[in-house]
N, C-alpha and C. Protein backbone atom coordinates (compact mmCIF):
# COMPACT_ATOMS: atom_id res chain seq x y z
N UNK A 1 111.36 46.44 69.20
CA UNK A 1 112.00 45.19 69.25
C UNK A 1 111.63 44.63 71.06
N UNK A 2 112.20 43.11 70.97
CA UNK A 2 111.75 42.49 72.02
C UNK A 2 113.23 41.57 71.85
N UNK A 3 113.87 41.70 73.13
CA UNK A 3 114.70 40.69 73.68
C UNK A 3 114.73 40.05 74.33
N UNK A 4 115.15 38.48 74.49
CA UNK A 4 115.04 37.60 75.49
C UNK A 4 116.43 37.39 75.93
N UNK A 5 116.71 36.59 77.28
CA UNK A 5 117.46 36.13 77.24
C UNK A 5 118.07 34.34 77.33
N UNK A 6 118.55 33.99 77.04
CA UNK A 6 118.58 32.21 76.95
C UNK A 6 118.48 31.87 78.35
N UNK A 7 119.79 32.25 79.35
CA UNK A 7 120.06 31.52 80.33
C UNK A 7 118.37 31.67 81.15
N UNK A 8 118.30 32.96 81.96
CA UNK A 8 116.74 33.44 82.37
C UNK A 8 116.02 33.38 82.03
N UNK A 9 115.35 33.64 80.55
CA UNK A 9 114.18 33.20 80.24
C UNK A 9 113.03 35.18 80.26
N UNK A 10 113.95 36.28 80.94
CA UNK A 10 113.66 37.64 80.35
C UNK A 10 113.24 38.02 79.66
N UNK A 11 112.49 38.81 79.58
CA UNK A 11 111.75 39.07 78.33
C UNK A 11 111.94 41.27 78.37
N UNK A 12 112.90 41.59 77.28
CA UNK A 12 112.66 43.22 78.26
C UNK A 12 112.39 43.90 76.65
N UNK A 13 111.44 44.26 77.10
CA UNK A 13 110.87 45.70 75.47
C UNK A 13 112.05 46.47 75.64
N UNK A 14 112.63 46.78 74.15
CA UNK A 14 113.69 48.21 74.02
C UNK A 14 113.00 48.98 73.04
N UNK A 15 113.03 50.14 72.93
CA UNK A 15 112.04 50.59 71.75
C UNK A 15 113.09 51.26 71.22
N UNK A 16 113.37 51.81 69.49
CA UNK A 16 114.47 52.08 69.08
C UNK A 16 114.15 53.57 68.18
N UNK A 17 114.59 54.14 67.47
CA UNK A 17 113.63 55.57 67.54
C UNK A 17 114.88 56.29 66.41
N UNK A 18 114.35 55.50 65.31
CA UNK A 18 115.04 56.00 63.38
C UNK A 18 114.83 57.55 63.96
N UNK A 19 116.10 58.73 63.43
CA UNK A 19 116.21 59.78 63.25
C UNK A 19 116.66 60.33 62.10
N UNK A 20 115.64 61.63 61.67
CA UNK A 20 116.02 61.65 60.48
C UNK A 20 117.46 62.30 60.12
N UNK A 21 118.27 62.39 58.79
CA UNK A 21 119.76 62.59 58.67
C UNK A 21 119.13 63.68 57.78
N UNK A 22 120.42 64.54 57.60
CA UNK A 22 119.81 65.22 56.20
C UNK A 22 120.71 64.39 55.04
N UNK A 23 120.27 64.05 54.39
CA UNK A 23 120.68 62.69 53.57
C UNK A 23 119.88 62.69 51.93
N UNK A 24 118.97 64.24 51.97
CA UNK A 24 118.84 64.38 50.62
C UNK A 24 118.09 65.67 49.90
N UNK A 25 118.79 65.83 48.93
CA UNK A 25 118.57 66.97 48.49
C UNK A 25 117.64 67.73 47.90
N UNK A 26 117.43 68.69 48.24
CA UNK A 26 116.24 69.92 47.26
C UNK A 26 116.05 68.73 45.64
N UNK A 27 115.20 68.81 45.73
CA UNK A 27 115.45 68.86 43.95
C UNK A 27 114.02 69.64 43.35
N UNK A 28 114.03 70.98 42.63
CA UNK A 28 112.87 71.41 41.98
C UNK A 28 112.19 70.67 40.69
N UNK A 29 110.99 70.42 40.85
CA UNK A 29 110.08 69.70 39.82
C UNK A 29 110.22 70.38 38.73
N UNK A 30 110.36 71.14 38.13
CA UNK A 30 110.73 72.15 37.22
C UNK A 30 112.20 72.86 37.28
N UNK A 31 113.29 72.62 36.86
CA UNK A 31 114.17 73.00 37.59
C UNK A 31 114.29 74.24 36.34
N UNK A 32 113.67 74.71 35.88
CA UNK A 32 114.18 75.84 34.70
C UNK A 32 112.51 75.93 34.53
N UNK A 33 112.05 77.22 34.64
CA UNK A 33 110.52 78.03 35.26
C UNK A 33 110.25 78.90 34.30
N UNK A 34 109.41 78.96 32.91
CA UNK A 34 109.01 80.30 32.32
C UNK A 34 107.63 80.84 33.11
N UNK A 35 107.86 82.29 33.10
CA UNK A 35 106.30 82.99 33.12
C UNK A 35 106.10 84.29 32.31
N UNK A 36 105.22 85.17 31.51
CA UNK A 36 104.96 85.53 31.48
C UNK A 36 103.46 86.70 32.14
N UNK A 37 103.86 88.09 32.31
CA UNK A 37 103.28 89.23 32.20
C UNK A 37 102.97 89.85 31.26
N UNK A 38 101.89 91.06 31.33
CA UNK A 38 101.74 91.91 30.30
C UNK A 38 102.94 92.76 31.51
N UNK A 39 103.64 94.28 30.26
CA UNK A 39 103.89 95.26 30.69
C UNK A 39 102.99 96.23 31.91
N UNK A 40 103.23 97.21 32.22
CA UNK A 40 102.44 97.74 33.11
C UNK A 40 102.11 97.07 34.19
N UNK A 41 102.34 95.72 34.66
CA UNK A 41 102.34 95.21 35.87
C UNK A 41 100.95 95.74 36.80
N UNK A 42 100.27 95.05 37.55
CA UNK A 42 100.07 96.13 38.85
C UNK A 42 101.22 95.45 40.10
N UNK A 43 101.74 96.52 41.17
CA UNK A 43 102.84 96.54 42.22
C UNK A 43 102.15 96.30 43.26
N UNK A 44 102.59 94.73 44.16
CA UNK A 44 103.60 93.99 43.31
C UNK A 44 102.66 92.95 42.74
N UNK A 45 103.46 92.24 42.04
CA UNK A 45 102.62 91.37 41.39
C UNK A 45 103.26 90.04 41.84
N UNK A 46 102.63 88.91 41.92
CA UNK A 46 103.09 87.59 42.93
C UNK A 46 102.73 86.47 41.77
N UNK A 47 103.97 85.99 41.40
CA UNK A 47 103.83 84.64 40.77
C UNK A 47 104.62 83.66 41.05
N UNK A 48 103.32 82.43 41.58
CA UNK A 48 103.75 81.04 42.28
C UNK A 48 104.20 80.08 41.52
N UNK A 49 105.26 79.85 42.06
CA UNK A 49 106.56 79.15 41.12
C UNK A 49 106.76 77.81 41.64
N UNK A 50 107.46 76.79 40.95
CA UNK A 50 107.46 75.24 41.59
C UNK A 50 108.28 75.53 42.86
N UNK A 51 107.80 74.32 44.17
CA UNK A 51 108.73 74.49 45.18
C UNK A 51 109.93 73.73 44.63
N UNK A 52 110.98 73.53 45.41
CA UNK A 52 111.97 72.19 45.32
C UNK A 52 111.34 71.37 46.70
N UNK A 53 111.19 69.99 46.12
CA UNK A 53 110.97 68.89 46.95
C UNK A 53 112.06 67.97 47.99
N UNK A 54 111.63 67.71 49.19
CA UNK A 54 112.97 67.39 50.25
C UNK A 54 113.03 66.59 50.53
N UNK A 55 112.72 65.36 50.65
CA UNK A 55 112.45 64.11 51.19
C UNK A 55 112.61 63.51 52.67
N UNK A 56 113.49 65.18 52.96
CA UNK A 56 114.15 64.80 54.77
C UNK A 56 112.81 65.58 55.47
N UNK A 57 113.20 65.23 56.89
CA UNK A 57 111.91 65.79 57.41
C UNK A 57 111.97 67.58 57.52
N UNK A 58 111.57 67.85 58.33
CA UNK A 58 111.01 69.59 58.09
C UNK A 58 112.49 70.12 58.61
N UNK A 59 113.26 69.73 59.76
CA UNK A 59 114.38 69.97 60.04
C UNK A 59 115.43 70.36 59.38
N UNK A 60 115.52 69.06 58.54
CA UNK A 60 116.73 69.07 57.29
C UNK A 60 116.53 69.57 55.73
N UNK A 61 115.25 70.05 55.77
CA UNK A 61 115.04 70.16 54.19
C UNK A 61 114.86 71.10 54.14
N UNK A 62 114.57 71.59 53.17
CA UNK A 62 114.69 73.21 52.28
C UNK A 62 113.77 74.50 53.19
N UNK A 63 114.95 74.95 53.45
CA UNK A 63 113.97 76.50 55.06
C UNK A 63 114.57 77.84 54.08
N UNK A 64 114.68 77.83 52.84
CA UNK A 64 115.18 79.02 52.81
C UNK A 64 115.17 78.75 50.72
N UNK A 65 114.98 80.14 50.45
CA UNK A 65 115.71 80.78 49.02
C UNK A 65 116.36 82.03 48.97
N UNK A 66 116.58 82.06 47.71
CA UNK A 66 117.53 83.33 47.78
C UNK A 66 117.59 83.64 46.29
N UNK A 67 117.70 84.48 45.48
CA UNK A 67 118.12 84.67 44.06
C UNK A 67 119.69 85.47 44.44
N UNK A 68 120.77 84.54 43.51
CA UNK A 68 121.82 84.74 42.72
C UNK A 68 122.28 85.72 42.04
N UNK A 69 123.05 86.52 42.22
CA UNK A 69 123.39 87.32 41.16
C UNK A 69 122.47 88.46 40.35
N UNK A 70 121.80 89.10 40.94
CA UNK A 70 120.34 89.64 41.27
C UNK A 70 120.61 90.83 41.98
N UNK A 71 120.92 91.62 41.85
CA UNK A 71 121.34 92.94 42.97
C UNK A 71 120.30 93.31 43.17
N UNK A 72 119.29 93.58 41.74
CA UNK A 72 118.26 94.73 41.37
C UNK A 72 117.39 94.44 42.95
N UNK A 73 116.22 95.29 42.66
CA UNK A 73 115.41 95.39 43.52
C UNK A 73 113.97 95.13 43.00
N UNK A 74 113.94 94.30 41.76
CA UNK A 74 112.75 94.19 40.80
C UNK A 74 112.31 93.31 41.21
N UNK A 75 112.93 91.92 41.94
CA UNK A 75 112.57 90.99 42.14
C UNK A 75 112.21 90.73 43.86
N UNK A 76 111.85 89.89 44.33
CA UNK A 76 112.24 89.02 45.72
C UNK A 76 111.58 87.87 45.64
N UNK A 77 111.56 87.45 46.49
CA UNK A 77 111.44 85.93 47.47
C UNK A 77 110.53 85.59 48.24
N UNK A 78 109.53 85.13 47.90
CA UNK A 78 108.65 85.06 49.20
C UNK A 78 108.05 83.33 49.70
N UNK A 79 108.68 82.75 50.85
CA UNK A 79 108.67 81.63 50.92
C UNK A 79 107.32 81.44 52.35
N UNK A 80 106.31 79.88 52.00
CA UNK A 80 105.62 80.27 52.64
C UNK A 80 106.09 79.34 53.75
N UNK A 81 104.57 78.72 53.73
CA UNK A 81 105.09 77.55 55.35
C UNK A 81 105.48 76.20 55.16
N UNK A 82 106.27 75.60 55.25
CA UNK A 82 106.59 74.01 55.02
C UNK A 82 105.20 73.50 55.39
N UNK A 83 105.55 72.42 54.23
CA UNK A 83 104.24 71.17 54.34
C UNK A 83 104.62 70.28 53.21
N UNK A 84 104.46 69.03 54.02
CA UNK A 84 104.16 68.01 53.18
C UNK A 84 105.81 67.90 52.03
N UNK A 85 106.74 68.25 52.63
CA UNK A 85 108.35 68.01 51.72
C UNK A 85 108.57 69.00 51.44
N UNK A 86 108.43 70.14 50.81
CA UNK A 86 107.95 71.14 50.38
C UNK A 86 107.90 72.80 50.75
N UNK A 87 108.26 73.81 50.45
CA UNK A 87 108.90 75.01 51.56
C UNK A 87 108.08 75.34 49.78
N UNK A 88 106.93 76.15 49.68
CA UNK A 88 106.22 77.03 48.98
C UNK A 88 106.69 78.17 48.30
N UNK A 89 107.18 78.18 47.26
CA UNK A 89 107.75 79.78 46.62
C UNK A 89 106.82 80.91 45.53
N UNK A 90 107.39 81.87 45.48
CA UNK A 90 106.08 82.74 45.15
C UNK A 90 107.97 83.58 45.16
N UNK A 91 107.72 83.95 43.61
CA UNK A 91 108.45 85.32 43.02
C UNK A 91 107.62 87.07 43.04
N UNK A 92 108.01 88.08 43.50
CA UNK A 92 107.40 88.81 43.89
C UNK A 92 108.29 90.28 43.02
N UNK A 93 107.34 90.40 42.18
CA UNK A 93 107.87 91.78 41.17
C UNK A 93 107.21 92.99 42.06
N UNK A 94 108.57 93.90 42.10
CA UNK A 94 108.46 95.16 43.40
C UNK A 94 108.42 96.48 41.98
N UNK A 95 108.44 96.14 41.42
CA UNK A 95 108.05 97.49 40.24
C UNK A 95 107.10 97.28 39.19
N UNK A 96 107.07 98.59 38.48
CA UNK A 96 106.29 98.02 37.31
C UNK A 96 107.15 98.11 36.06
N UNK A 97 106.80 97.17 35.50
CA UNK A 97 107.92 96.67 33.90
C UNK A 97 107.32 96.87 32.88
N UNK A 98 107.78 97.90 31.92
CA UNK A 98 107.47 98.43 31.08
C UNK A 98 109.04 97.68 29.86
N UNK A 99 107.78 97.38 28.89
CA UNK A 99 108.28 96.46 27.61
C UNK A 99 109.38 97.68 26.50
N UNK A 100 108.95 99.06 26.71
CA UNK A 100 109.54 99.64 26.03
C UNK A 100 110.60 100.05 26.34
N UNK A 101 111.02 100.19 27.59
CA UNK A 101 112.10 100.70 27.81
C UNK A 101 113.15 99.13 28.23
N UNK A 102 112.50 98.29 27.91
CA UNK A 102 114.07 97.61 27.91
C UNK A 102 113.10 96.31 28.78
N UNK A 103 112.11 96.79 29.62
CA UNK A 103 112.18 95.47 30.28
C UNK A 103 111.41 94.07 29.85
N UNK A 104 112.23 93.39 29.61
CA UNK A 104 111.63 92.18 27.56
C UNK A 104 111.64 91.02 28.21
N UNK A 105 113.15 90.96 28.94
CA UNK A 105 112.84 89.64 29.67
C UNK A 105 114.23 89.43 30.50
N UNK A 106 114.39 88.66 31.70
CA UNK A 106 114.91 88.19 32.38
C UNK A 106 114.90 87.12 33.14
N UNK A 107 116.60 87.02 33.39
CA UNK A 107 116.65 85.36 33.60
C UNK A 107 117.30 85.61 35.34
N UNK A 108 116.83 85.07 36.21
CA UNK A 108 116.98 84.85 37.96
C UNK A 108 117.18 83.05 37.97
N UNK A 109 118.79 83.82 38.73
CA UNK A 109 118.89 82.18 38.97
C UNK A 109 118.90 82.15 40.95
């Protein structure tokens, strides 16, 4: 911005920097995701999931993911490196799954 005084006509240049605040909530492009795998999967099995997008700068954007209401060691999450407004996300299956033993469907939150 350039500022001028009327009385003296002096001109002074002022630099204004706009800083980001945490004003955008993360949004999943696919709020509910579904994937299928064969029983007797290799361990670990990595499934790439749709990440949450956040229009804030890296400082205020998504910085971690966690599984809620699931105390089992069967699944874990792995986040990649923040880039272009999102944090890549992978679901790791940490043990073999067996359809006949009841491993038919899991709902993770």
